[in-house]
Amino acid sequence: MTDKIPTVEKERDFESINKNKSMGLLSDLKALLKLAVLIANVLPVFTGFWLALYFSNESISTQWPLLLLLLVGSTFVMAGALILNNWYDVDIDSIMDRTKNRPTVTGNIPLRIVLSMGIIFTIIGFIMLLFTTMEAAIYAFIGWFTYVVLYTMWSKRRYAMNTIIGSVSGAVTPLIGWAAVGSTFHIVPIMLAIIIFIWQMPHTFAIAMRKCDEYRAAKVAMLPVVRGFKITKIQMLIYITLLLPLPFFLTSLGTTFIALTSILNVAWLVISMYGFFQKNDDVWARIMFIYSVSYITVVFVSMVVVTLPIFH
């Protein structure tokens, strides 16, 4: 019996090693795909699709195959863009604390494999979207090209306006969803795109303020690095102010939605103004970031909720 104990222990050690490797790989893939960002971008795609069905008086019960193609296809395209961003930005990521553990930096996933994954994911995604509508695929391409080429490869390291360019890629997400059902020449998808475009500015600036020293070390031309915190706060206030009238262009979603979104806008405006009196910019920027994430989630989920059949 005693001579079997070491064998059992070796088996346990082997299982533990394999488990750790599996967990490590999952962690690396999560970082490579920027999973939180990826999931956040899928929500507006679904909302756009849902609202397009609602305004065309169609039921989602008959559109499951189309929805599946849309969500999987757009997810692959966005994942491909995020992977290519990681591949291209490996030099920057190696300097910044928040990104130095990405598999592209640690070498856990070789760069040639990362590049191949980015290209393959992108191609698979576009092929799937072409089975929805050409318009949906075009919007996806606009988002992909803007994020990968115009933002990542061109403007991010050179110009403080990189945030404006990068925001275009996020703004097209509800248009992708809506276009899978019908033409986006409609006030609702246009306003959804504008909301996301404007929202991304203070959201991204909050991140840039918190990681200002890291961006400066990596020589990334984010607004707080180039123009300072005061100018950044002013611009954040301006963009949040621009959100105030937008709910009133969506009266077709009902009074509840308008009231809820207006309250969220005013609250965000107050928090933004408080930043001019807050001495601890890091704490304030963190509050702004958390609020921005909560804001966009509540707004887009509420669009779905207020158009559920039980409310009509």
Protein backbone atom coordinates (compact mmCIF):
# COMPACT_ATOMS: atom_id res chain seq x y z
CA MET A 1 0.00 0.00 0.00
CA THR A 2 2.75 2.46 0.91
CA ASP A 3 4.43 2.28 -2.49
CA LYS A 4 1.18 3.52 -4.13
CA ILE A 5 1.09 6.80 -2.18
CA PRO A 6 3.76 8.57 -4.24
CA THR A 7 1.90 7.56 -7.43
CA VAL A 8 -1.35 9.05 -6.13
CA GLU A 9 0.45 12.24 -5.14
CA LYS A 10 2.02 12.49 -8.60
CA GLU A 11 -1.40 12.08 -10.19
CA ARG A 12 -2.79 14.83 -7.99
CA ASP A 13 0.14 17.11 -8.84
CA PHE A 14 -0.36 16.40 -12.55
CA GLU A 15 -4.09 17.20 -12.31
CA SER A 16 -3.28 20.40 -10.41
CA ILE A 17 -0.76 21.47 -13.06
CA ASN A 18 -3.23 20.79 -15.86
CA LYS A 19 -5.94 22.69 -14.01
CA ASN A 20 -3.64 25.67 -13.50
CA LYS A 21 -2.66 25.61 -17.17
CA SER A 22 -6.32 25.56 -18.21
CA MET A 23 -7.16 28.43 -15.89
CA GLY A 24 -4.13 30.32 -17.17
CA LEU A 25 -5.20 29.82 -20.78
CA LEU A 26 -8.75 30.98 -20.02
CA SER A 27 -7.37 34.04 -18.27
CA ASP A 28 -5.12 34.79 -21.24
CA LEU A 29 -7.99 34.43 -23.71
CA LYS A 30 -10.18 36.66 -21.56
CA ALA A 31 -7.48 39.34 -21.61
CA LEU A 32 -6.80 38.90 -25.32
CA LEU A 33 -10.47 39.24 -26.23
CA LYS A 34 -10.99 42.11 -23.75
CA LEU A 35 -14.06 40.17 -22.67
CA ALA A 36 -15.75 42.97 -20.73
CA VAL A 37 -15.42 45.35 -23.69
CA LEU A 38 -16.64 42.66 -26.08
CA ILE A 39 -19.76 41.91 -24.04
CA ALA A 40 -20.49 45.63 -23.62
CA ASN A 41 -20.46 46.07 -27.41
CA VAL A 42 -22.81 43.15 -28.04
CA LEU A 43 -25.62 44.73 -25.96
CA PRO A 44 -26.23 47.66 -28.37
CA VAL A 45 -26.23 45.23 -31.30
CA PHE A 46 -29.02 43.26 -29.65
CA THR A 47 -30.91 46.43 -28.66
CA GLY A 48 -30.74 47.72 -32.22
CA PHE A 49 -32.06 44.41 -33.51
CA TRP A 50 -34.83 44.26 -30.90
CA LEU A 51 -36.04 47.80 -31.60
CA ALA A 52 -35.98 47.22 -35.37
CA LEU A 53 -38.33 44.28 -34.86
CA TYR A 54 -40.51 46.35 -32.54
CA PHE A 55 -40.92 49.24 -34.97
CA SER A 56 -41.53 46.92 -37.91
CA ASN A 57 -44.15 44.98 -35.90
CA GLU A 58 -42.26 41.72 -36.16
CA SER A 59 -41.87 39.11 -33.43
CA ILE A 60 -38.50 37.89 -32.21
CA SER A 61 -39.98 34.39 -31.96
CA THR A 62 -39.72 34.05 -35.74
CA GLN A 63 -36.29 35.66 -36.03
CA TRP A 64 -34.08 33.46 -33.84
CA PRO A 65 -31.89 32.18 -36.71
CA LEU A 66 -31.26 35.75 -37.87
CA LEU A 67 -30.53 36.91 -34.31
CA LEU A 68 -28.07 34.06 -33.79
CA LEU A 69 -26.21 34.87 -37.01
CA LEU A 70 -26.16 38.55 -36.08
CA LEU A 71 -24.86 38.13 -32.53
CA VAL A 72 -22.26 35.48 -33.34
CA GLY A 73 -21.11 37.27 -36.49
CA SER A 74 -20.81 40.70 -34.88
CA THR A 75 -19.09 39.17 -31.84
CA PHE A 76 -16.48 37.55 -34.06
CA VAL A 77 -15.86 40.79 -35.97
CA MET A 78 -15.48 42.79 -32.77
CA ALA A 79 -13.30 40.09 -31.21
CA GLY A 80 -11.10 40.14 -34.29
CA ALA A 81 -10.70 43.92 -33.98
CA LEU A 82 -9.85 43.71 -30.27
CA ILE A 83 -7.32 40.92 -30.87
CA LEU A 84 -5.63 42.93 -33.63
CA ASN A 85 -5.53 45.91 -31.30
CA ASN A 86 -3.68 43.78 -28.74
CA TRP A 87 -1.30 42.51 -31.41
CA TYR A 88 -0.44 46.01 -32.65
CA ASP A 89 -0.22 47.65 -29.22
CA VAL A 90 2.12 45.11 -27.60
CA ASP A 91 4.87 47.73 -27.18
CA ILE A 92 2.49 50.11 -25.40
CA ASP A 93 0.93 47.36 -23.32
CA SER A 94 4.34 46.29 -22.03
CA ILE A 95 4.79 49.72 -20.44
CA MET A 96 1.37 50.23 -18.89
CA ASP A 97 0.59 48.49 -15.58
CA ARG A 98 -3.02 47.72 -16.49
CA THR A 99 -2.01 45.86 -19.67
CA LYS A 100 1.40 44.39 -18.90
CA ASN A 101 -0.08 40.98 -18.05
CA ARG A 102 -1.81 40.51 -21.40
CA PRO A 103 -0.68 37.31 -23.16
CA THR A 104 0.80 39.35 -26.00
CA VAL A 105 3.18 40.96 -23.50
CA THR A 106 3.95 37.90 -21.38
CA GLY A 107 4.45 35.78 -24.48
CA ASN A 108 1.93 33.17 -23.31
CA ILE A 109 0.34 33.43 -26.74
CA PRO A 110 2.87 34.08 -29.57
CA LEU A 111 2.26 37.22 -31.62
CA ARG A 112 1.99 35.28 -34.89
CA ILE A 113 -0.86 33.26 -33.39
CA VAL A 114 -2.52 36.43 -32.10
CA LEU A 115 -2.32 38.00 -35.56
CA SER A 116 -3.75 34.85 -37.16
CA MET A 117 -6.57 34.75 -34.61
CA GLY A 118 -7.45 38.38 -35.28
CA ILE A 119 -7.62 37.85 -39.04
CA ILE A 120 -9.52 34.54 -38.83
CA PHE A 121 -12.06 35.85 -36.31
CA THR A 122 -12.67 38.90 -38.50
CA ILE A 123 -13.20 36.86 -41.66
CA ILE A 124 -15.56 34.40 -39.93
CA GLY A 125 -17.56 37.29 -38.50
CA PHE A 126 -17.98 39.07 -41.82
CA ILE A 127 -19.01 35.87 -43.59
CA MET A 128 -21.71 35.28 -40.98
CA LEU A 129 -22.96 38.89 -41.17
CA LEU A 130 -23.23 38.65 -44.95
CA PHE A 131 -25.91 36.03 -44.33
CA THR A 132 -27.95 38.70 -42.51
CA THR A 133 -27.88 41.80 -44.73
CA MET A 134 -25.23 43.63 -46.71
CA GLU A 135 -26.00 46.83 -44.77
CA ALA A 136 -25.25 45.12 -41.44
CA ALA A 137 -21.93 43.84 -42.82
CA ILE A 138 -21.05 47.33 -44.10
CA TYR A 139 -21.66 48.91 -40.70
CA ALA A 140 -19.56 46.17 -39.10
CA PHE A 141 -16.75 46.90 -41.55
CA ILE A 142 -16.93 50.62 -40.77
CA GLY A 143 -16.58 49.84 -37.07
CA TRP A 144 -13.77 47.33 -37.64
CA PHE A 145 -11.80 49.60 -40.00
CA THR A 146 -12.23 52.64 -37.74
CA TYR A 147 -11.04 50.78 -34.66
CA VAL A 148 -8.20 48.77 -36.17
CA VAL A 149 -6.80 51.14 -38.79
CA LEU A 150 -7.90 54.70 -38.03
CA TYR A 151 -7.74 54.42 -34.23
CA THR A 152 -5.22 51.72 -33.30
CA MET A 153 -2.72 52.09 -36.14
CA TRP A 154 -3.03 55.78 -37.00
CA SER A 155 -4.41 58.22 -34.43
CA LYS A 156 -3.96 56.63 -30.99
CA ARG A 157 -0.28 57.46 -30.64
CA ARG A 158 -0.38 60.77 -32.52
CA TYR A 159 -3.49 62.83 -31.81
CA ALA A 160 -5.65 63.69 -28.81
CA MET A 161 -8.65 63.38 -31.14
CA ASN A 162 -8.07 59.60 -31.17
CA THR A 163 -10.99 59.23 -28.76
CA ILE A 164 -13.38 60.83 -31.26
CA ILE A 165 -12.20 58.47 -33.99
CA GLY A 166 -12.40 55.44 -31.71
CA SER A 167 -15.93 56.38 -30.68
CA VAL A 168 -17.17 55.86 -34.24
CA SER A 169 -16.47 52.13 -33.94
CA GLY A 170 -18.71 51.86 -30.89
CA ALA A 171 -21.43 54.06 -32.38
CA VAL A 172 -22.11 51.67 -35.27
CA THR A 173 -23.01 48.73 -33.02
CA PRO A 174 -26.77 49.47 -32.75
CA LEU A 175 -26.80 50.20 -36.49
CA ILE A 176 -25.45 46.69 -37.15
CA GLY A 177 -28.33 45.21 -35.18
CA TRP A 178 -31.01 47.39 -36.75
CA ALA A 179 -29.66 46.89 -40.29
CA ALA A 180 -30.06 43.11 -39.95
CA VAL A 181 -33.84 43.76 -39.96
CA GLY A 182 -34.32 46.85 -42.12
CA SER A 183 -32.99 50.20 -43.29
CA THR A 184 -31.33 52.40 -40.66
CA PHE A 185 -32.91 55.52 -42.22
CA HIS A 186 -34.97 55.94 -39.06
CA ILE A 187 -34.69 58.34 -36.12
CA VAL A 188 -34.31 55.60 -33.49
CA PRO A 189 -31.13 53.84 -34.73
CA ILE A 190 -29.60 57.21 -35.59
CA MET A 191 -30.19 58.47 -32.06
CA LEU A 192 -28.84 55.23 -30.57
CA ALA A 193 -25.63 55.71 -32.53
CA ILE A 194 -25.36 59.34 -31.42
CA ILE A 195 -25.92 58.41 -27.77
CA ILE A 196 -23.12 55.83 -27.83
CA PHE A 197 -20.80 58.16 -29.73
CA ILE A 198 -21.23 60.98 -27.22
CA TRP A 199 -21.23 58.65 -24.20
CA GLN A 200 -17.86 57.17 -25.15
CA MET A 201 -16.09 60.53 -24.82
CA PRO A 202 -16.51 61.13 -21.04
CA HIS A 203 -16.30 57.37 -20.46
CA THR A 204 -12.90 57.13 -22.18
CA PHE A 205 -11.66 60.39 -20.67
CA ALA A 206 -12.40 59.01 -17.19
CA ILE A 207 -10.19 55.99 -17.93
CA ALA A 208 -7.49 58.22 -19.40
CA MET A 209 -7.47 60.42 -16.30
CA ARG A 210 -7.07 57.44 -13.98
CA LYS A 211 -4.26 55.99 -16.10
CA CYS A 212 -2.73 59.32 -17.15
CA ASP A 213 0.78 58.53 -15.91
CA GLU A 214 0.76 55.18 -17.71
CA TYR A 215 -0.42 56.75 -20.97
CA ARG A 216 2.25 59.43 -20.61
CA ALA A 217 4.96 56.81 -20.07
CA ALA A 218 3.73 54.91 -23.13
CA LYS A 219 3.58 58.17 -25.14
CA VAL A 220 -0.09 57.75 -26.01
CA ALA A 221 -1.70 61.07 -26.92
CA MET A 222 -4.76 60.90 -24.68
CA LEU A 223 -6.41 64.22 -23.88
CA PRO A 224 -5.40 64.37 -20.16
CA VAL A 225 -1.79 63.75 -21.19
CA VAL A 226 -1.77 66.37 -23.94
CA ARG A 227 -4.04 69.08 -22.51
CA GLY A 228 -4.28 68.35 -18.79
CA PHE A 229 -7.12 67.50 -16.39
CA LYS A 230 -8.93 70.86 -16.44
CA ILE A 231 -9.48 70.83 -20.20
CA THR A 232 -10.48 67.16 -19.98
CA LYS A 233 -13.09 67.93 -17.32
CA ILE A 234 -14.49 70.77 -19.42
CA GLN A 235 -14.83 68.51 -22.43
CA MET A 236 -16.45 65.79 -20.33
CA LEU A 237 -19.00 68.34 -19.08
CA ILE A 238 -19.72 69.49 -22.64
CA TYR A 239 -20.30 65.97 -23.95
CA ILE A 240 -22.56 65.03 -21.03
CA THR A 241 -24.55 68.24 -21.62
CA LEU A 242 -25.02 67.16 -25.23
CA LEU A 243 -26.77 64.01 -23.97
CA LEU A 244 -29.53 66.02 -22.25
CA PRO A 245 -31.84 66.63 -25.24
CA LEU A 246 -31.36 63.22 -26.87
CA PRO A 247 -34.09 61.26 -25.00
CA PHE A 248 -36.68 63.68 -26.37
CA PHE A 249 -35.91 62.48 -29.90
CA LEU A 250 -37.02 59.03 -28.75
CA THR A 251 -40.59 59.83 -27.72
CA SER A 252 -41.68 56.67 -29.53
CA LEU A 253 -40.12 54.70 -26.66
CA GLY A 254 -42.54 56.24 -24.18
CA THR A 255 -42.58 58.61 -21.23
CA THR A 256 -40.98 56.15 -18.83
CA PHE A 257 -37.86 55.87 -20.96
CA ILE A 258 -37.60 59.63 -21.45
CA ALA A 259 -37.97 60.28 -17.72
CA LEU A 260 -35.48 57.59 -16.68
CA THR A 261 -32.83 58.65 -19.18
CA SER A 262 -33.29 62.33 -18.36
CA ILE A 263 -32.77 61.61 -14.66
CA LEU A 264 -29.61 59.65 -15.48
CA ASN A 265 -28.36 62.51 -17.67
CA VAL A 266 -28.94 65.17 -15.02
CA ALA A 267 -27.30 63.03 -12.34
CA TRP A 268 -24.25 62.50 -14.56
CA LEU A 269 -24.11 66.23 -15.26
CA VAL A 270 -24.08 66.97 -11.51
CA ILE A 271 -21.29 64.44 -10.92
CA SER A 272 -19.35 65.98 -13.80
CA MET A 273 -19.67 69.48 -12.35
CA TYR A 274 -18.56 68.18 -8.96
CA GLY A 275 -15.24 67.28 -10.57
CA PHE A 276 -14.25 70.95 -10.66
CA PHE A 277 -14.44 71.07 -6.85
CA GLN A 278 -13.05 67.62 -6.07
CA LYS A 279 -9.40 67.64 -4.99
CA ASN A 280 -8.84 63.94 -5.53
CA ASP A 281 -9.09 63.58 -9.31
CA ASP A 282 -8.45 59.84 -9.22
CA VAL A 283 -11.44 59.18 -6.94
CA TRP A 284 -13.67 61.43 -9.05
CA ALA A 285 -12.53 59.82 -12.31
CA ARG A 286 -13.28 56.38 -10.85
CA ILE A 287 -16.80 57.51 -9.92
CA MET A 288 -17.26 58.89 -13.43
CA PHE A 289 -16.10 55.62 -14.96
CA ILE A 290 -18.40 53.46 -12.83
CA TYR A 291 -21.33 55.76 -13.50
CA SER A 292 -20.67 55.75 -17.25
CA VAL A 293 -20.70 51.96 -17.40
CA SER A 294 -23.90 51.81 -15.35
CA TYR A 295 -25.46 54.58 -17.45
CA ILE A 296 -25.04 52.94 -20.85
CA THR A 297 -26.15 49.56 -19.51
CA VAL A 298 -29.33 50.94 -17.93
CA VAL A 299 -30.19 53.06 -20.98
CA PHE A 300 -29.89 50.23 -23.49
CA VAL A 301 -31.51 47.59 -21.30
CA SER A 302 -34.40 49.96 -20.55
CA MET A 303 -34.98 50.41 -24.30
CA VAL A 304 -35.70 46.69 -24.48
CA VAL A 305 -37.77 46.61 -21.28
CA VAL A 306 -40.12 49.47 -22.23
CA THR A 307 -40.86 47.81 -25.57
CA LEU A 308 -41.70 44.39 -24.15
CA PRO A 309 -45.18 43.15 -25.12
CA ILE A 310 -46.38 43.31 -21.50
CA PHE A 311 -46.18 47.10 -21.64
CA HIS A 312 -48.34 47.34 -24.77
